[in-house]
Amino acid sequence: MSIVLVRIDNRLIHGQVLEAWVPAVRANCIVVANDQAASAPFQRMLMEAAVPKGIKVLIGSVAESSALLSTGELDDFRVLLLYATSEDALRGLRSGAPFHELNLGNMHAGAGKQKLSCTIALDPEDIGNLQQLEADGVRIMSQCIPSDRERPWKNLLPLSDG
């Protein structure tokens, strides 16, 4: 198995992922690792219906997805792995998902979050999760679409933190 992109995108499967990232990384399998999506049949159905034929879609909890990625079942695929949150990504890594790079795509604003770019808003928990991922050896970059320049995520933080 080749994991060609690991991305945090709270919209999970949507047009930007399908139209920009899938062709850019030549993914032929999308794995969504999110507990909420895994337990929401209607959301699963919508995401599965949006994906063009020829691209395998697997939607599971973070733990299920990590287990799947270690089985060898996806050895013949180029996998794009999607997490909805920094917490999902940290849980995924620590439950065995094999990745060393992480793309921050869309992390939308919400209560307690500070908007740091047009698509990235973080709260202290996100920052802590991303710092733990880095401490575990993950290189984290912010890049909305493939034609954007990669930026180290810490460059988004106010100067006192980055």
Protein backbone atom coordinates (compact mmCIF):
# COMPACT_ATOMS: atom_id res chain seq x y z
CA MET A 1 0.00 0.00 0.00
CA SER A 2 1.08 3.47 -0.75
CA ILE A 3 -0.43 6.29 1.25
CA VAL A 4 -0.09 9.18 -1.14
CA LEU A 5 -1.71 11.87 0.99
CA VAL A 6 -2.92 12.20 4.56
CA ARG A 7 -5.10 15.25 5.03
CA ILE A 8 -7.15 16.89 7.74
CA ASP A 9 -10.22 18.28 6.04
CA ASN A 10 -13.31 18.67 8.16
CA ARG A 11 -15.48 18.40 5.04
CA LEU A 12 -13.95 14.95 4.35
CA ILE A 13 -14.93 13.93 0.77
CA HIS A 14 -15.95 16.98 -1.24
CA GLY A 15 -15.24 18.64 -4.58
CA GLN A 16 -11.80 20.00 -3.72
CA VAL A 17 -10.59 16.57 -2.64
CA LEU A 18 -12.09 14.85 -5.67
CA GLU A 19 -11.24 17.42 -8.33
CA ALA A 20 -7.85 18.62 -7.11
CA TRP A 21 -6.18 16.18 -4.75
CA VAL A 22 -7.23 12.79 -6.15
CA PRO A 23 -5.79 13.51 -9.63
CA ALA A 24 -2.73 15.33 -8.24
CA VAL A 25 -1.66 12.38 -6.12
CA ARG A 26 -3.22 9.79 -8.49
CA ALA A 27 -5.18 8.23 -5.65
CA ASN A 28 -7.40 5.27 -6.48
CA CYS A 29 -8.64 4.72 -2.94
CA ILE A 30 -10.02 7.16 -0.37
CA VAL A 31 -10.11 6.13 3.26
CA VAL A 32 -12.21 8.31 5.55
CA ALA A 33 -11.28 7.85 9.19
CA ASN A 34 -13.87 9.52 11.38
CA ASP A 35 -16.07 8.03 14.08
CA GLN A 36 -19.02 10.32 13.34
CA ALA A 37 -19.04 9.70 9.59
CA ALA A 38 -18.65 5.97 10.16
CA SER A 39 -21.84 5.92 12.21
CA ALA A 40 -23.92 8.20 9.96
CA PRO A 41 -25.42 6.13 7.11
CA PHE A 42 -26.78 9.13 5.19
CA GLN A 43 -23.45 10.99 5.31
CA ARG A 44 -21.66 7.82 4.23
CA MET A 45 -24.06 7.35 1.34
CA LEU A 46 -23.56 10.94 0.16
CA MET A 47 -19.79 10.68 0.27
CA GLU A 48 -19.75 7.31 -1.49
CA ALA A 49 -22.11 8.61 -4.20
CA ALA A 50 -19.87 11.63 -4.86
CA VAL A 51 -16.79 9.57 -5.70
CA PRO A 52 -16.28 8.66 -9.37
CA LYS A 53 -16.34 5.00 -10.36
CA GLY A 54 -12.95 3.41 -10.27
CA ILE A 55 -12.01 4.96 -6.96
CA LYS A 56 -12.48 2.71 -3.95
CA VAL A 57 -14.05 4.38 -0.90
CA LEU A 58 -13.79 3.07 2.63
CA ILE A 59 -15.37 4.91 5.53
CA GLY A 60 -14.72 3.75 9.06
CA SER A 61 -14.00 4.87 12.56
CA VAL A 62 -10.50 6.05 13.32
CA ALA A 63 -9.68 2.72 14.97
CA GLU A 64 -11.23 0.66 12.16
CA SER A 65 -9.38 2.64 9.52
CA SER A 66 -6.03 2.28 11.28
CA ALA A 67 -6.58 -1.45 11.56
CA LEU A 68 -7.53 -1.67 7.89
CA LEU A 69 -4.40 0.20 6.82
CA SER A 70 -2.24 -2.37 8.56
CA THR A 71 -3.90 -5.48 7.07
CA GLY A 72 -2.38 -5.39 3.62
CA GLU A 73 -5.86 -5.33 2.08
CA LEU A 74 -5.01 -2.03 0.39
CA ASP A 75 -1.56 -3.02 -0.84
CA ASP A 76 -2.52 -2.52 -4.48
CA PHE A 77 -3.97 0.97 -3.97
CA ARG A 78 -2.75 4.54 -3.82
CA VAL A 79 -4.54 5.69 -0.68
CA LEU A 80 -5.69 9.20 0.18
CA LEU A 81 -6.42 9.16 3.92
CA LEU A 82 -8.80 11.78 5.28
CA TYR A 83 -9.28 12.83 8.88
CA ALA A 84 -11.80 15.45 9.99
CA THR A 85 -9.88 16.79 12.97
CA SER A 86 -6.44 16.99 14.51
CA GLU A 87 -7.67 14.68 17.25
CA ASP A 88 -8.65 12.07 14.63
CA ALA A 89 -5.20 12.33 13.03
CA LEU A 90 -3.43 11.92 16.36
CA ARG A 91 -5.62 8.96 17.33
CA GLY A 92 -5.07 7.48 13.88
CA LEU A 93 -1.31 7.69 14.10
CA ARG A 94 -1.24 6.31 17.60
CA SER A 95 -3.55 3.44 16.67
CA GLY A 96 -1.27 2.35 13.85
CA ALA A 97 -2.01 4.38 10.73
CA PRO A 98 1.35 4.48 8.96
CA PHE A 99 2.03 8.08 7.95
CA HIS A 100 4.86 10.56 8.29
CA GLU A 101 3.42 13.60 6.53
CA LEU A 102 0.16 15.41 7.16
CA ASN A 103 -1.58 18.04 5.05
CA LEU A 104 -3.76 20.60 6.77
CA GLY A 105 -6.52 21.45 4.33
CA ASN A 106 -9.71 22.73 5.83
CA MET A 107 -10.10 23.17 9.57
CA HIS A 108 -13.02 25.51 9.88
CA ALA A 109 -13.67 28.11 12.52
CA GLY A 110 -15.76 27.30 15.56
CA ALA A 111 -16.12 28.21 19.19
CA GLY A 112 -12.71 28.92 20.68
CA LYS A 113 -10.87 28.64 17.37
CA GLN A 114 -8.59 31.31 15.98
CA LYS A 115 -8.60 31.78 12.23
CA LEU A 116 -4.98 31.59 11.03
CA SER A 117 -5.52 31.41 7.26
CA CYS A 118 -8.45 31.37 4.87
CA THR A 119 -9.05 27.67 5.57
CA ILE A 120 -7.32 26.94 8.89
CA ALA A 121 -8.69 27.80 12.32
CA LEU A 122 -7.11 26.20 15.37
CA ASP A 123 -7.82 26.10 19.07
CA PRO A 124 -5.35 25.18 21.83
CA GLU A 125 -6.39 21.51 21.60
CA ASP A 126 -5.61 21.45 17.86
CA ILE A 127 -2.23 23.06 18.50
CA GLY A 128 -1.47 20.50 21.19
CA ASN A 129 -2.53 17.63 18.92
CA LEU A 130 -0.38 18.93 16.05
CA GLN A 131 2.60 19.38 18.36
CA GLN A 132 2.18 15.78 19.52
CA LEU A 133 2.01 14.56 15.93
CA GLU A 134 5.25 16.42 15.19
CA ALA A 135 6.85 14.97 18.30
CA ASP A 136 5.89 11.54 16.94
CA GLY A 137 7.77 12.31 13.71
CA VAL A 138 5.04 13.65 11.44
CA ARG A 139 5.89 16.51 9.09
CA ILE A 140 2.87 18.86 9.01
CA MET A 141 2.24 21.30 6.20
CA SER A 142 -0.63 23.58 5.28
CA GLN A 143 -1.67 23.41 1.64
CA CYS A 144 -5.23 24.00 0.52
CA ILE A 145 -4.91 22.75 -3.06
CA PRO A 146 -2.04 21.09 -4.92
CA SER A 147 -1.06 24.29 -6.77
CA ASP A 148 -0.64 26.18 -3.48
CA ARG A 149 2.76 26.46 -1.89
CA GLU A 150 3.26 24.17 1.11
CA ARG A 151 3.69 26.09 4.35
CA PRO A 152 4.89 24.65 7.64
CA TRP A 153 1.87 24.73 9.93
CA LYS A 154 3.79 26.56 12.64
CA ASN A 155 4.19 29.51 10.26
CA LEU A 156 0.46 30.04 10.67
CA LEU A 157 0.78 30.59 14.40
CA PRO A 158 1.26 34.00 15.96
CA LEU A 159 4.97 34.83 16.31
CA SER A 160 5.06 33.98 20.00
CA ASP A 161 4.16 30.36 19.19
CA GLY A 162 5.94 29.78 15.95
